C-alpha atoms as a PDB file:
ATOM      1  CA  MET A   1      88.065 -73.914 320.285  1.00  0.00           C
ATOM      2  CA  GLY A   2      88.584 -71.093 317.807  1.00  0.00           C
ATOM      3  CA  VAL A   3      88.450 -68.228 320.352  1.00  0.00           C
ATOM      4  CA  THR A   4      91.146 -66.332 322.370  1.00  0.00           C
ATOM      5  CA  TYR A   5      91.143 -66.112 326.123  1.00  0.00           C
ATOM      6  CA  PRO A   6      93.183 -63.792 328.344  1.00  0.00           C
ATOM      7  CA  ALA A   7      95.446 -65.271 330.944  1.00  0.00           C
ATOM      8  CA  PRO A   8      93.532 -67.241 333.560  1.00  0.00           C
ATOM      9  CA  GLN A   9      92.815 -66.472 337.142  1.00  0.00           C
ATOM     10  CA  VAL A  10      94.496 -69.133 339.122  1.00  0.00           C
ATOM     11  CA  SER A  11      93.713 -70.367 342.626  1.00  0.00           C
ATOM     12  CA  GLY A  12      94.067 -73.600 344.527  1.00  0.00           C
ATOM     13  CA  ALA A  13      95.081 -75.350 347.721  1.00  0.00           C
ATOM     14  CA  SER A  14      95.944 -78.887 348.923  1.00  0.00           C
ATOM     15  CA  GLY A  15      97.208 -80.227 345.550  1.00  0.00           C
ATOM     16  CA  ASN A  16      94.412 -78.616 343.432  1.00  0.00           C
ATOM     17  CA  ALA A  17      94.751 -75.999 340.869  1.00  0.00           C
ATOM     18  CA  VAL A  18      91.769 -74.067 339.499  1.00  0.00           C
ATOM     19  CA  CYS A  19      92.202 -71.922 336.330  1.00  0.00           C
ATOM     20  CA  THR A  20      89.336 -69.774 335.146  1.00  0.00           C
ATOM     21  CA  TYR A  21      89.437 -68.201 331.670  1.00  0.00           C
ATOM     22  CA  ASP A  22      87.096 -65.244 331.402  1.00  0.00           C
ATOM     23  CA  GLY A  23      85.196 -65.457 328.076  1.00  0.00           C
ATOM     24  CA  SER A  24      83.496 -62.034 328.203  1.00  0.00           C
ATOM     25  CA  GLY A  25      85.899 -60.607 325.706  1.00  0.00           C
ATOM     26  CA  ASN A  26      85.747 -63.336 323.011  1.00  0.00           C
ATOM     27  CA  SER A  27      83.252 -63.996 320.342  1.00  0.00           C
ATOM     28  CA  ASN A  28      81.276 -66.684 322.211  1.00  0.00           C
ATOM     29  CA  GLY A  29      81.319 -65.018 325.673  1.00  0.00           C
ATOM     30  CA  ASN A  30      81.796 -68.409 327.407  1.00  0.00           C
ATOM     31  CA  SER A  31      84.150 -68.806 330.374  1.00  0.00           C
ATOM     32  CA  VAL A  32      86.116 -71.993 330.865  1.00  0.00           C
ATOM     33  CA  THR A  33      87.147 -73.447 334.256  1.00  0.00           C
ATOM     34  CA  ILE A  34      89.762 -76.129 334.535  1.00  0.00           C
ATOM     35  CA  THR A  35      90.417 -77.875 337.845  1.00  0.00           C
ATOM     36  CA  ILE A  36      93.420 -80.156 338.178  1.00  0.00           C
ATOM     37  CA  SER A  37      93.695 -82.425 341.346  1.00  0.00           C
ATOM     38  CA  ASN A  38      96.687 -84.622 342.152  1.00  0.00           C
ATOM     39  CA  GLY A  39      96.584 -88.016 343.846  1.00  0.00           C
ATOM     40  CA  ILE A  40      93.267 -89.152 342.277  1.00  0.00           C
ATOM     41  CA  ASN A  41      92.402 -92.770 341.393  1.00  0.00           C
ATOM     42  CA  ALA A  42      89.760 -94.353 339.129  1.00  0.00           C
ATOM     43  CA  ALA A  43      87.208 -94.799 341.822  1.00  0.00           C
ATOM     44  CA  GLU A  44      87.591 -91.165 342.999  1.00  0.00           C
ATOM     45  CA  ILE A  45      87.232 -89.762 339.481  1.00  0.00           C
ATOM     46  CA  THR A  46      84.055 -91.877 338.967  1.00  0.00           C
ATOM     47  CA  ALA A  47      82.620 -90.683 342.292  1.00  0.00           C
ATOM     48  CA  LEU A  48      83.508 -87.117 341.596  1.00  0.00           C
ATOM     49  CA  ALA A  49      81.813 -87.304 338.163  1.00  0.00           C
ATOM     50  CA  LYS A  50      78.640 -88.884 339.720  1.00  0.00           C
ATOM     51  CA  ASN A  51      78.501 -86.508 342.638  1.00  0.00           C
ATOM     52  CA  GLN A  52      79.343 -83.196 341.062  1.00  0.00           C
ATOM     53  CA  GLY A  53      78.252 -83.768 337.490  1.00  0.00           C
ATOM     54  CA  GLY A  54      75.284 -86.006 337.990  1.00  0.00           C
ATOM     55  CA  VAL A  55      76.885 -88.474 335.645  1.00  0.00           C
ATOM     56  CA  THR A  56      75.302 -91.946 335.968  1.00  0.00           C
ATOM     57  CA  GLY A  57      78.200 -93.820 334.485  1.00  0.00           C
ATOM     58  CA  ASP A  58      76.425 -94.070 331.128  1.00  0.00           C
ATOM     59  CA  ASN A  59      78.363 -91.123 329.717  1.00  0.00           C
ATOM     60  CA  PRO A  60      82.008 -92.495 329.357  1.00  0.00           C
ATOM     61  CA  VAL A  61      84.394 -90.791 326.964  1.00  0.00           C
ATOM     62  CA  SER A  62      86.839 -93.099 325.244  1.00  0.00           C
ATOM     63  CA  GLY A  63      90.355 -92.194 324.259  1.00  0.00           C
ATOM     64  CA  LEU A  64      90.757 -89.394 326.870  1.00  0.00           C
ATOM     65  CA  GLY A  65      93.199 -90.254 329.643  1.00  0.00           C
ATOM     66  CA  SER A  66      92.666 -93.569 331.442  1.00  0.00           C
ATOM     67  CA  GLU A  67      89.021 -92.782 332.221  1.00  0.00           C
ATOM     68  CA  ALA A  68      86.681 -89.956 331.404  1.00  0.00           C
ATOM     69  CA  TYR A  69      83.071 -88.951 331.783  1.00  0.00           C
ATOM     70  CA  PHE A  70      80.903 -86.140 330.225  1.00  0.00           C
ATOM     71  CA  ASP A  71      77.874 -84.551 331.553  1.00  0.00           C
ATOM     72  CA  PRO A  72      76.154 -82.153 329.035  1.00  0.00           C
ATOM     73  CA  GLY A  73      74.380 -80.151 331.735  1.00  0.00           C
ATOM     74  CA  GLN A  74      71.168 -78.321 330.973  1.00  0.00           C
ATOM     75  CA  SER A  75      70.780 -76.022 328.054  1.00  0.00           C
ATOM     76  CA  GLY A  76      72.664 -72.705 328.594  1.00  0.00           C
ATOM     77  CA  LEU A  77      74.449 -74.104 331.670  1.00  0.00           C
ATOM     78  CA  SER A  78      77.987 -75.458 331.929  1.00  0.00           C
ATOM     79  CA  SER A  79      78.783 -78.979 330.843  1.00  0.00           C
ATOM     80  CA  GLU A  80      81.294 -80.927 332.858  1.00  0.00           C
ATOM     81  CA  LEU A  81      83.977 -83.268 331.698  1.00  0.00           C
ATOM     82  CA  PHE A  82      85.869 -85.350 334.255  1.00  0.00           C
ATOM     83  CA  ALA A  83      89.038 -87.160 333.153  1.00  0.00           C
ATOM     84  CA  LEU A  84      91.769 -89.217 334.858  1.00  0.00           C
ATOM     85  CA  ASN A  85      95.336 -89.057 333.511  1.00  0.00           C
ATOM     86  CA  GLY A  86      97.595 -91.153 335.670  1.00  0.00           C
ATOM     87  CA  SER A  87      97.020 -89.860 339.213  1.00  0.00           C
ATOM     88  CA  GLU A  88      95.760 -86.400 337.938  1.00  0.00           C
ATOM     89  CA  GLY A  89      92.100 -85.672 337.896  1.00  0.00           C
ATOM     90  CA  ILE A  90      91.015 -83.050 335.327  1.00  0.00           C
ATOM     91  CA  GLU A  91      87.611 -81.336 335.421  1.00  0.00           C
ATOM     92  CA  VAL A  92      86.585 -78.996 332.542  1.00  0.00           C
ATOM     93  CA  SER A  93      83.545 -76.779 333.045  1.00  0.00           C
ATOM     94  CA  ILE A  94      82.288 -74.844 329.971  1.00  0.00           C
ATOM     95  CA  VAL A  95      79.135 -73.712 328.288  1.00  0.00           C
ATOM     96  CA  GLY A  96      79.796 -75.652 325.061  1.00  0.00           C
ATOM     97  CA  THR A  97      79.764 -78.959 323.320  1.00  0.00           C
ATOM     98  CA  GLN A  98      81.331 -82.262 324.322  1.00  0.00           C
ATOM     99  CA  ALA A  99      83.888 -81.796 321.549  1.00  0.00           C
ATOM    100  CA  GLN A 100      84.909 -78.430 322.987  1.00  0.00           C
ATOM    101  CA  SER A 101      85.261 -79.934 326.501  1.00  0.00           C
ATOM    102  CA  GLU A 102      87.326 -82.816 325.160  1.00  0.00           C
ATOM    103  CA  SER A 103      89.513 -80.443 323.231  1.00  0.00           C
ATOM    104  CA  VAL A 104      90.310 -78.454 326.395  1.00  0.00           C
ATOM    105  CA  ALA A 105      90.962 -81.661 328.330  1.00  0.00           C
ATOM    106  CA  ARG A 106      93.276 -83.052 325.654  1.00  0.00           C
ATOM    107  CA  ALA A 107      95.238 -79.785 325.694  1.00  0.00           C
ATOM    108  CA  VAL A 108      95.664 -80.079 329.531  1.00  0.00           C
ATOM    109  CA  ILE A 109      96.642 -83.779 329.372  1.00  0.00           C
ATOM    110  CA  SER A 110      99.244 -83.047 326.677  1.00  0.00           C
ATOM    111  CA  MET A 111     101.005 -80.427 328.790  1.00  0.00           C
END
């Protein structure tokens, strides 16, 4: 994404991990939140995307995990990207573009 973030604040329970990267010290000032959930299937990632992100199913992202959806959010608010990689659900929340969200999700998937 072209910016440097400090170490994340990490929290989680019940098979979920939430990493929040504070963006206040970088050039764009945007924070990034990544949530990883284990034991997720395709129906659950679709439902999660629809319920939390307001995605209608018309916003699929190809080539990212086995299934992915993007919700651009409203101007100035966080966009949401939901991806399924095997049985791992990944949610990326960032004030940024779809390309930036996909870049973060690809980095997480490749780990």
